[in-house]
Amino acid sequence: MNLYKGLALFAGGVLFGSAGLKLLSSKDAKKAYTHATAAVLRMKDSVMETVTSVQENTADVLASAKEINEQRAQAEETAEVETAAEAHAGT
């Protein structure tokens, strides 16, 4: 009895596999694959636009941060020069 059950399962698997291959290679399936691939490509384009935007914003932030640090350094130098001048004038 187990032998017949095994053979029946094997035969069913072969039939199901054959039907599955035909289904996967059918015209409708290819059309679905094409639409899915097109959607993925559109999504990729959208993601790349977002990445480009983030990179541009990051570059802007970095430039602004450098400018702030330069201004701060100049202000500290100016304060040191004024302090030194006041100390020298007070002597």
PDB file of N, CA and C in Angstrom:
ATOM      1  N   MET A   1       0.820  -1.189   0.000  1.00  0.00           N
ATOM      2  CA  MET A   1       0.000   0.000   0.000  1.00  0.00           C
ATOM      3  C   MET A   1       0.867   1.258   0.000  1.00  0.00           C
ATOM      4  N   ASN A   2       1.942   1.273   0.769  1.00  0.00           N
ATOM      5  CA  ASN A   2       2.834   2.429   0.805  1.00  0.00           C
ATOM      6  C   ASN A   2       3.489   2.677  -0.545  1.00  0.00           C
ATOM      7  N   LEU A   3       3.788   1.609  -1.294  1.00  0.00           N
ATOM      8  CA  LEU A   3       4.389   1.745  -2.608  1.00  0.00           C
ATOM      9  C   LEU A   3       3.452   2.477  -3.549  1.00  0.00           C
ATOM     10  N   TYR A   4       2.166   2.128  -3.533  1.00  0.00           N
ATOM     11  CA  TYR A   4       1.181   2.783  -4.395  1.00  0.00           C
ATOM     12  C   TYR A   4       0.989   4.246  -4.008  1.00  0.00           C
ATOM     13  N   LYS A   5       1.015   4.473  -2.706  1.00  0.00           N
ATOM     14  CA  LYS A   5       0.859   5.849  -2.228  1.00  0.00           C
ATOM     15  C   LYS A   5       2.038   6.699  -2.696  1.00  0.00           C
ATOM     16  N   GLY A   6       3.256   6.142  -2.597  1.00  0.00           N
ATOM     17  CA  GLY A   6       4.460   6.845  -3.042  1.00  0.00           C
ATOM     18  C   GLY A   6       4.425   7.115  -4.538  1.00  0.00           C
ATOM     19  N   LEU A   7       4.004   6.114  -5.309  1.00  0.00           N
ATOM     20  CA  LEU A   7       3.913   6.286  -6.755  1.00  0.00           C
ATOM     21  C   LEU A   7       2.862   7.334  -7.121  1.00  0.00           C
ATOM     22  N   ALA A   8       1.756   7.309  -6.411  1.00  0.00           N
ATOM     23  CA  ALA A   8       0.689   8.273  -6.672  1.00  0.00           C
ATOM     24  C   ALA A   8       1.173   9.693  -6.354  1.00  0.00           C
ATOM     25  N   LEU A   9       1.888   9.854  -5.258  1.00  0.00           N
ATOM     26  CA  LEU A   9       2.424  11.173  -4.901  1.00  0.00           C
ATOM     27  C   LEU A   9       3.449  11.638  -5.938  1.00  0.00           C
ATOM     28  N   PHE A  10       4.293  10.699  -6.399  1.00  0.00           N
ATOM     29  CA  PHE A  10       5.282  11.046  -7.415  1.00  0.00           C
ATOM     30  C   PHE A  10       4.606  11.486  -8.707  1.00  0.00           C
ATOM     31  N   ALA A  11       3.628  10.708  -9.151  1.00  0.00           N
ATOM     32  CA  ALA A  11       2.909  11.023 -10.393  1.00  0.00           C
ATOM     33  C   ALA A  11       2.188  12.365 -10.258  1.00  0.00           C
ATOM     34  N   GLY A  12       1.584  12.607  -9.102  1.00  0.00           N
ATOM     35  CA  GLY A  12       0.903  13.883  -8.864  1.00  0.00           C
ATOM     36  C   GLY A  12       1.884  15.041  -8.897  1.00  0.00           C
ATOM     37  N   GLY A  13       3.067  14.826  -8.316  1.00  0.00           N
ATOM     38  CA  GLY A  13       4.092  15.866  -8.318  1.00  0.00           C
ATOM     39  C   GLY A  13       4.573  16.182  -9.723  1.00  0.00           C
ATOM     40  N   VAL A  14       4.753  15.134 -10.535  1.00  0.00           N
ATOM     41  CA  VAL A  14       5.186  15.344 -11.913  1.00  0.00           C
ATOM     42  C   VAL A  14       4.131  16.123 -12.691  1.00  0.00           C
ATOM     43  N   LEU A  15       2.861  15.728 -12.531  1.00  0.00           N
ATOM     44  CA  LEU A  15       1.787  16.437 -13.231  1.00  0.00           C
ATOM     45  C   LEU A  15       1.689  17.892 -12.776  1.00  0.00           C
ATOM     46  N   PHE A  16       1.770  18.085 -11.467  1.00  0.00           N
ATOM     47  CA  PHE A  16       1.694  19.442 -10.925  1.00  0.00           C
ATOM     48  C   PHE A  16       2.882  20.273 -11.415  1.00  0.00           C
ATOM     49  N   GLY A  17       4.079  19.673 -11.422  1.00  0.00           N
ATOM     50  CA  GLY A  17       5.271  20.369 -11.892  1.00  0.00           C
ATOM     51  C   GLY A  17       5.166  20.735 -13.364  1.00  0.00           C
ATOM     52  N   SER A  18       4.663  19.815 -14.174  1.00  0.00           N
ATOM     53  CA  SER A  18       4.506  20.090 -15.603  1.00  0.00           C
ATOM     54  C   SER A  18       3.502  21.209 -15.834  1.00  0.00           C
ATOM     55  N   ALA A  19       2.398  21.152 -15.118  1.00  0.00           N
ATOM     56  CA  ALA A  19       1.385  22.200 -15.243  1.00  0.00           C
ATOM     57  C   ALA A  19       1.956  23.532 -14.760  1.00  0.00           C
ATOM     58  N   GLY A  20       2.745  23.488 -13.705  1.00  0.00           N
ATOM     59  CA  GLY A  20       3.355  24.708 -13.176  1.00  0.00           C
ATOM     60  C   GLY A  20       4.312  25.339 -14.169  1.00  0.00           C
ATOM     61  N   LEU A  21       5.116  24.492 -14.845  1.00  0.00           N
ATOM     62  CA  LEU A  21       6.044  25.026 -15.847  1.00  0.00           C
ATOM     63  C   LEU A  21       5.301  25.651 -17.007  1.00  0.00           C
ATOM     64  N   LYS A  22       4.227  25.011 -17.442  1.00  0.00           N
ATOM     65  CA  LYS A  22       3.437  25.576 -18.536  1.00  0.00           C
ATOM     66  C   LYS A  22       2.815  26.904 -18.109  1.00  0.00           C
ATOM     67  N   LEU A  23       2.335  26.934 -16.873  1.00  0.00           N
ATOM     68  CA  LEU A  23       1.730  28.155 -16.361  1.00  0.00           C
ATOM     69  C   LEU A  23       2.771  29.283 -16.286  1.00  0.00           C
ATOM     70  N   LEU A  24       3.970  28.959 -15.795  1.00  0.00           N
ATOM     71  CA  LEU A  24       5.013  29.975 -15.648  1.00  0.00           C
ATOM     72  C   LEU A  24       5.523  30.489 -16.988  1.00  0.00           C
ATOM     73  N   SER A  25       5.449  29.665 -18.026  1.00  0.00           N
ATOM     74  CA  SER A  25       5.952  30.090 -19.328  1.00  0.00           C
ATOM     75  C   SER A  25       4.827  30.524 -20.270  1.00  0.00           C
ATOM     76  N   SER A  26       3.632  30.679 -19.732  1.00  0.00           N
ATOM     77  CA  SER A  26       2.497  31.081 -20.566  1.00  0.00           C
ATOM     78  C   SER A  26       2.597  32.552 -20.950  1.00  0.00           C
ATOM     79  N   LYS A  27       1.828  32.938 -21.923  1.00  0.00           N
ATOM     80  CA  LYS A  27       1.812  34.319 -22.413  1.00  0.00           C
ATOM     81  C   LYS A  27       1.352  35.286 -21.314  1.00  0.00           C
ATOM     82  N   ASP A  28       0.332  34.878 -20.558  1.00  0.00           N
ATOM     83  CA  ASP A  28      -0.174  35.735 -19.476  1.00  0.00           C
ATOM     84  C   ASP A  28       0.879  35.917 -18.384  1.00  0.00           C
ATOM     85  N   ALA A  29       1.591  34.828 -18.072  1.00  0.00           N
ATOM     86  CA  ALA A  29       2.626  34.918 -17.038  1.00  0.00           C
ATOM     87  C   ALA A  29       3.742  35.855 -17.505  1.00  0.00           C
ATOM     88  N   LYS A  30       4.145  35.745 -18.753  1.00  0.00           N
ATOM     89  CA  LYS A  30       5.191  36.628 -19.272  1.00  0.00           C
ATOM     90  C   LYS A  30       4.742  38.081 -19.227  1.00  0.00           C
ATOM     91  N   LYS A  31       3.480  38.326 -19.514  1.00  0.00           N
ATOM     92  CA  LYS A  31       2.943  39.686 -19.449  1.00  0.00           C
ATOM     93  C   LYS A  31       3.009  40.206 -18.014  1.00  0.00           C
ATOM     94  N   ALA A  32       2.659  39.339 -17.062  1.00  0.00           N
ATOM     95  CA  ALA A  32       2.717  39.726 -15.648  1.00  0.00           C
ATOM     96  C   ALA A  32       4.159  40.006 -15.225  1.00  0.00           C
ATOM     97  N   TYR A  33       5.107  39.168 -15.674  1.00  0.00           N
ATOM     98  CA  TYR A  33       6.513  39.398 -15.354  1.00  0.00           C
ATOM     99  C   TYR A  33       6.980  40.736 -15.925  1.00  0.00           C
ATOM    100  N   THR A  34       6.550  41.039 -17.136  1.00  0.00           N
ATOM    101  CA  THR A  34       6.949  42.282 -17.786  1.00  0.00           C
ATOM    102  C   THR A  34       6.423  43.489 -17.015  1.00  0.00           C
ATOM    103  N   HIS A  35       5.165  43.426 -16.594  1.00  0.00           N
ATOM    104  CA  HIS A  35       4.592  44.537 -15.822  1.00  0.00           C
ATOM    105  C   HIS A  35       5.283  44.669 -14.461  1.00  0.00           C
ATOM    106  N   ALA A  36       5.571  43.549 -13.843  1.00  0.00           N
ATOM    107  CA  ALA A  36       6.252  43.590 -12.540  1.00  0.00           C
ATOM    108  C   ALA A  36       7.654  44.188 -12.694  1.00  0.00           C
ATOM    109  N   THR A  37       8.354  43.792 -13.743  1.00  0.00           N
ATOM    110  CA  THR A  37       9.692  44.326 -13.983  1.00  0.00           C
ATOM    111  C   THR A  37       9.635  45.821 -14.267  1.00  0.00           C
ATOM    112  N   ALA A  38       8.660  46.251 -15.038  1.00  0.00           N
ATOM    113  CA  ALA A  38       8.501  47.678 -15.324  1.00  0.00           C
ATOM    114  C   ALA A  38       8.241  48.460 -14.031  1.00  0.00           C
ATOM    115  N   ALA A  39       7.424  47.906 -13.150  1.00  0.00           N
ATOM    116  CA  ALA A  39       7.143  48.570 -11.875  1.00  0.00           C
ATOM    117  C   ALA A  39       8.408  48.683 -11.032  1.00  0.00           C
ATOM    118  N   VAL A  40       9.214  47.632 -11.026  1.00  0.00           N
ATOM    119  CA  VAL A  40      10.466  47.656 -10.261  1.00  0.00           C
ATOM    120  C   VAL A  40      11.407  48.713 -10.828  1.00  0.00           C
ATOM    121  N   LEU A  41      11.472  48.815 -12.138  1.00  0.00           N
ATOM    122  CA  LEU A  41      12.337  49.839 -12.755  1.00  0.00           C
ATOM    123  C   LEU A  41      11.862  51.250 -12.412  1.00  0.00           C
ATOM    124  N   ARG A  42      10.540  51.468 -12.407  1.00  0.00           N
ATOM    125  CA  ARG A  42      10.010  52.784 -12.018  1.00  0.00           C
ATOM    126  C   ARG A  42      10.357  53.079 -10.562  1.00  0.00           C
ATOM    127  N   MET A  43      10.237  52.076  -9.717  1.00  0.00           N
ATOM    128  CA  MET A  43      10.543  52.248  -8.298  1.00  0.00           C
ATOM    129  C   MET A  43      12.031  52.572  -8.130  1.00  0.00           C
ATOM    130  N   LYS A  44      12.888  51.896  -8.901  1.00  0.00           N
ATOM    131  CA  LYS A  44      14.328  52.153  -8.847  1.00  0.00           C
ATOM    132  C   LYS A  44      14.609  53.608  -9.209  1.00  0.00           C
ATOM    133  N   ASP A  45      13.964  54.112 -10.252  1.00  0.00           N
ATOM    134  CA  ASP A  45      14.160  55.506 -10.658  1.00  0.00           C
ATOM    135  C   ASP A  45      13.750  56.460  -9.539  1.00  0.00           C
ATOM    136  N   SER A  46      12.642  56.155  -8.893  1.00  0.00           N
ATOM    137  CA  SER A  46      12.165  56.994  -7.797  1.00  0.00           C
ATOM    138  C   SER A  46      13.154  56.972  -6.629  1.00  0.00           C
ATOM    139  N   VAL A  47      13.655  55.809  -6.311  1.00  0.00           N
ATOM    140  CA  VAL A  47      14.625  55.691  -5.212  1.00  0.00           C
ATOM    141  C   VAL A  47      15.899  56.461  -5.548  1.00  0.00           C
ATOM    142  N   MET A  48      16.345  56.361  -6.791  1.00  0.00           N
ATOM    143  CA  MET A  48      17.564  57.063  -7.187  1.00  0.00           C
ATOM    144  C   MET A  48      17.373  58.580  -7.115  1.00  0.00           C
ATOM    145  N   GLU A  49      16.182  59.076  -7.464  1.00  0.00           N
ATOM    146  CA  GLU A  49      15.895  60.512  -7.332  1.00  0.00           C
ATOM    147  C   GLU A  49      15.971  60.937  -5.870  1.00  0.00           C
ATOM    148  N   THR A  50      15.432  60.100  -4.985  1.00  0.00           N
ATOM    149  CA  THR A  50      15.465  60.400  -3.555  1.00  0.00           C
ATOM    150  C   THR A  50      16.903  60.409  -3.045  1.00  0.00           C
ATOM    151  N   VAL A  51      17.693  59.443  -3.469  1.00  0.00           N
ATOM    152  CA  VAL A  51      19.097  59.366  -3.049  1.00  0.00           C
ATOM    153  C   VAL A  51      19.850  60.608  -3.509  1.00  0.00           C
ATOM    154  N   THR A  52      19.622  61.018  -4.742  1.00  0.00           N
ATOM    155  CA  THR A  52      20.280  62.216  -5.271  1.00  0.00           C
ATOM    156  C   THR A  52      19.893  63.444  -4.463  1.00  0.00           C
ATOM    157  N   SER A  53      18.627  63.555  -4.134  1.00  0.00           N
ATOM    158  CA  SER A  53      18.156  64.688  -3.333  1.00  0.00           C
ATOM    159  C   SER A  53      18.808  64.694  -1.954  1.00  0.00           C
ATOM    160  N   VAL A  54      18.894  63.542  -1.328  1.00  0.00           N
ATOM    161  CA  VAL A  54      19.515  63.445   0.003  1.00  0.00           C
ATOM    162  C   VAL A  54      20.996  63.815  -0.084  1.00  0.00           C
ATOM    163  N   GLN A  55      21.681  63.346  -1.133  1.00  0.00           N
ATOM    164  CA  GLN A  55      23.097  63.686  -1.298  1.00  0.00           C
ATOM    165  C   GLN A  55      23.285  65.189  -1.469  1.00  0.00           C
ATOM    166  N   GLU A  56      22.420  65.816  -2.257  1.00  0.00           N
ATOM    167  CA  GLU A  56      22.523  67.263  -2.453  1.00  0.00           C
ATOM    168  C   GLU A  56      22.291  67.999  -1.139  1.00  0.00           C
ATOM    169  N   ASN A  57      21.280  67.574  -0.390  1.00  0.00           N
ATOM    170  CA  ASN A  57      20.997  68.220   0.895  1.00  0.00           C
ATOM    171  C   ASN A  57      22.146  68.023   1.873  1.00  0.00           C
ATOM    172  N   THR A  58      22.745  66.856   1.841  1.00  0.00           N
ATOM    173  CA  THR A  58      23.879  66.580   2.729  1.00  0.00           C
ATOM    174  C   THR A  58      25.054  67.481   2.381  1.00  0.00           C
ATOM    175  N   ALA A  59      25.295  67.668   1.095  1.00  0.00           N
ATOM    176  CA  ALA A  59      26.384  68.555   0.668  1.00  0.00           C
ATOM    177  C   ALA A  59      26.114  69.983   1.136  1.00  0.00           C
ATOM    178  N   ASP A  60      24.860  70.441   1.049  1.00  0.00           N
ATOM    179  CA  ASP A  60      24.499  71.782   1.514  1.00  0.00           C
ATOM    180  C   ASP A  60      24.732  71.923   3.019  1.00  0.00           C
ATOM    181  N   VAL A  61      24.331  70.911   3.764  1.00  0.00           N
ATOM    182  CA  VAL A  61      24.500  70.946   5.226  1.00  0.00           C
ATOM    183  C   VAL A  61      25.984  70.982   5.569  1.00  0.00           C
ATOM    184  N   LEU A  62      26.783  70.177   4.887  1.00  0.00           N
ATOM    185  CA  LEU A  62      28.220  70.140   5.144  1.00  0.00           C
ATOM    186  C   LEU A  62      28.856  71.500   4.847  1.00  0.00           C
ATOM    187  N   ALA A  63      28.483  72.114   3.732  1.00  0.00           N
ATOM    188  CA  ALA A  63      29.022  73.428   3.389  1.00  0.00           C
ATOM    189  C   ALA A  63      28.632  74.462   4.439  1.00  0.00           C
ATOM    190  N   SER A  64      27.402  74.434   4.900  1.00  0.00           N
ATOM    191  CA  SER A  64      26.948  75.385   5.928  1.00  0.00           C
ATOM    192  C   SER A  64      27.686  75.162   7.238  1.00  0.00           C
ATOM    193  N   ALA A  65      27.900  73.903   7.591  1.00  0.00           N
ATOM    194  CA  ALA A  65      28.618  73.601   8.838  1.00  0.00           C
ATOM    195  C   ALA A  65      30.057  74.113   8.768  1.00  0.00           C
ATOM    196  N   LYS A  66      30.714  73.933   7.626  1.00  0.00           N
ATOM    197  CA  LYS A  66      32.081  74.444   7.469  1.00  0.00           C
ATOM    198  C   LYS A  66      32.108  75.964   7.587  1.00  0.00           C
ATOM    199  N   GLU A  67      31.120  76.625   7.000  1.00  0.00           N
ATOM    200  CA  GLU A  67      31.047  78.083   7.061  1.00  0.00           C
ATOM    201  C   GLU A  67      30.867  78.555   8.507  1.00  0.00           C
ATOM    202  N   ILE A  68      30.012  77.870   9.246  1.00  0.00           N
ATOM    203  CA  ILE A  68      29.792  78.220  10.656  1.00  0.00           C
ATOM    204  C   ILE A  68      31.092  78.078  11.442  1.00  0.00           C
ATOM    205  N   ASN A  69      31.820  76.979  11.202  1.00  0.00           N
ATOM    206  CA  ASN A  69      33.077  76.765  11.921  1.00  0.00           C
ATOM    207  C   ASN A  69      34.126  77.817  11.559  1.00  0.00           C
ATOM    208  N   GLU A  70      34.164  78.232  10.291  1.00  0.00           N
ATOM    209  CA  GLU A  70      35.103  79.283   9.880  1.00  0.00           C
ATOM    210  C   GLU A  70      34.763  80.607  10.558  1.00  0.00           C
ATOM    211  N   GLN A  71      33.466  80.938  10.604  1.00  0.00           N
ATOM    212  CA  GLN A  71      33.043  82.179  11.253  1.00  0.00           C
ATOM    213  C   GLN A  71      33.374  82.147  12.742  1.00  0.00           C
ATOM    214  N   ARG A  72      33.174  80.992  13.360  1.00  0.00           N
ATOM    215  CA  ARG A  72      33.468  80.859  14.793  1.00  0.00           C
ATOM    216  C   ARG A  72      34.968  81.017  15.040  1.00  0.00           C
ATOM    217  N   ALA A  73      35.777  80.418  14.172  1.00  0.00           N
ATOM    218  CA  ALA A  73      37.229  80.524  14.329  1.00  0.00           C
ATOM    219  C   ALA A  73      37.677  81.971  14.164  1.00  0.00           C
ATOM    220  N   GLN A  74      37.102  82.694  13.184  1.00  0.00           N
ATOM    221  CA  GLN A  74      37.446  84.100  12.987  1.00  0.00           C
ATOM    222  C   GLN A  74      37.031  84.932  14.199  1.00  0.00           C
ATOM    223  N   ALA A  75      35.868  84.629  14.759  1.00  0.00           N
ATOM    224  CA  ALA A  75      35.396  85.374  15.934  1.00  0.00           C
ATOM    225  C   ALA A  75      36.315  85.122  17.126  1.00  0.00           C
ATOM    226  N   GLU A  76      36.781  83.901  17.287  1.00  0.00           N
ATOM    227  CA  GLU A  76      37.693  83.599  18.393  1.00  0.00           C
ATOM    228  C   GLU A  76      39.029  84.308  18.198  1.00  0.00           C
ATOM    229  N   GLU A  77      39.532  84.331  16.951  1.00  0.00           N
ATOM    230  CA  GLU A  77      40.788  85.035  16.683  1.00  0.00           C
ATOM    231  C   GLU A  77      40.649  86.520  16.975  1.00  0.00           C
ATOM    232  N   THR A  78      39.527  87.093  16.560  1.00  0.00           N
ATOM    233  CA  THR A  78      39.275  88.513  16.791  1.00  0.00           C
ATOM    234  C   THR A  78      39.220  88.792  18.290  1.00  0.00           C
ATOM    235  N   ALA A  79      38.557  87.932  19.031  1.00  0.00           N
ATOM    236  CA  ALA A  79      38.448  88.113  20.480  1.00  0.00           C
ATOM    237  C   ALA A  79      39.824  88.007  21.137  1.00  0.00           C
ATOM    238  N   GLU A  80      40.654  87.091  20.662  1.00  0.00           N
ATOM    239  CA  GLU A  80      41.994  86.937  21.232  1.00  0.00           C
ATOM    240  C   GLU A  80      42.853  88.167  20.945  1.00  0.00           C
ATOM    241  N   VAL A  81      42.743  88.673  19.716  1.00  0.00           N
ATOM    242  CA  VAL A  81      43.512  89.871  19.353  1.00  0.00           C
ATOM    243  C   VAL A  81      43.058  91.055  20.201  1.00  0.00           C
ATOM    244  N   GLU A  82      41.764  91.230  20.389  1.00  0.00           N
ATOM    245  CA  GLU A  82      41.252  92.328  21.208  1.00  0.00           C
ATOM    246  C   GLU A  82      41.706  92.183  22.654  1.00  0.00           C
ATOM    247  N   THR A  83      41.682  90.960  23.166  1.00  0.00           N
ATOM    248  CA  THR A  83      42.103  90.717  24.544  1.00  0.00           C
ATOM    249  C   THR A  83      43.577  91.038  24.700  1.00  0.00           C
ATOM    250  N   ALA A  84      44.374  90.622  23.713  1.00  0.00           N
ATOM    251  CA  ALA A  84      45.807  90.894  23.767  1.00  0.00           C
ATOM    252  C   ALA A  84      46.066  92.396  23.666  1.00  0.00           C
ATOM    253  N   ALA A  85      45.309  93.083  22.804  1.00  0.00           N
ATOM    254  CA  ALA A  85      45.488  94.524  22.642  1.00  0.00           C
ATOM    255  C   ALA A  85      45.102  95.252  23.908  1.00  0.00           C
ATOM    256  N   GLU A  86      44.046  94.824  24.577  1.00  0.00           N
ATOM    257  CA  GLU A  86      43.618  95.453  25.824  1.00  0.00           C
ATOM    258  C   GLU A  86      44.656  95.199  26.919  1.00  0.00           C
ATOM    259  N   ALA A  87      45.190  93.985  26.954  1.00  0.00           N
ATOM    260  CA  ALA A  87      46.186  93.666  27.968  1.00  0.00           C
ATOM    261  C   ALA A  87      47.457  94.485  27.734  1.00  0.00           C
ATOM    262  N   HIS A  88      47.813  94.636  26.466  1.00  0.00           N
ATOM    263  CA  HIS A  88      49.022  95.400  26.131  1.00  0.00           C
ATOM    264  C   HIS A  88      48.796  96.895  26.410  1.00  0.00           C
ATOM    265  N   ALA A  89      47.599  97.390  26.132  1.00  0.00           N
ATOM    266  CA  ALA A  89      47.290  98.806  26.377  1.00  0.00           C
ATOM    267  C   ALA A  89      47.236  99.099  27.873  1.00  0.00           C
ATOM    268  N   GLY A  90      46.847  98.125  28.648  1.00  0.00           N
ATOM    269  CA  GLY A  90      46.733  98.307  30.083  1.00  0.00           C
ATOM    270  C   GLY A  90      48.070  98.262  30.783  1.00  0.00           C
ATOM    271  N   THR A  91      49.079  97.823  30.110  1.00  0.00           N
ATOM    272  CA  THR A  91      50.379  97.704  30.728  1.00  0.00           C
ATOM    273  C   THR A  91      51.097  98.969  30.831  1.00  0.00           C
TER     274      THR A  91
END
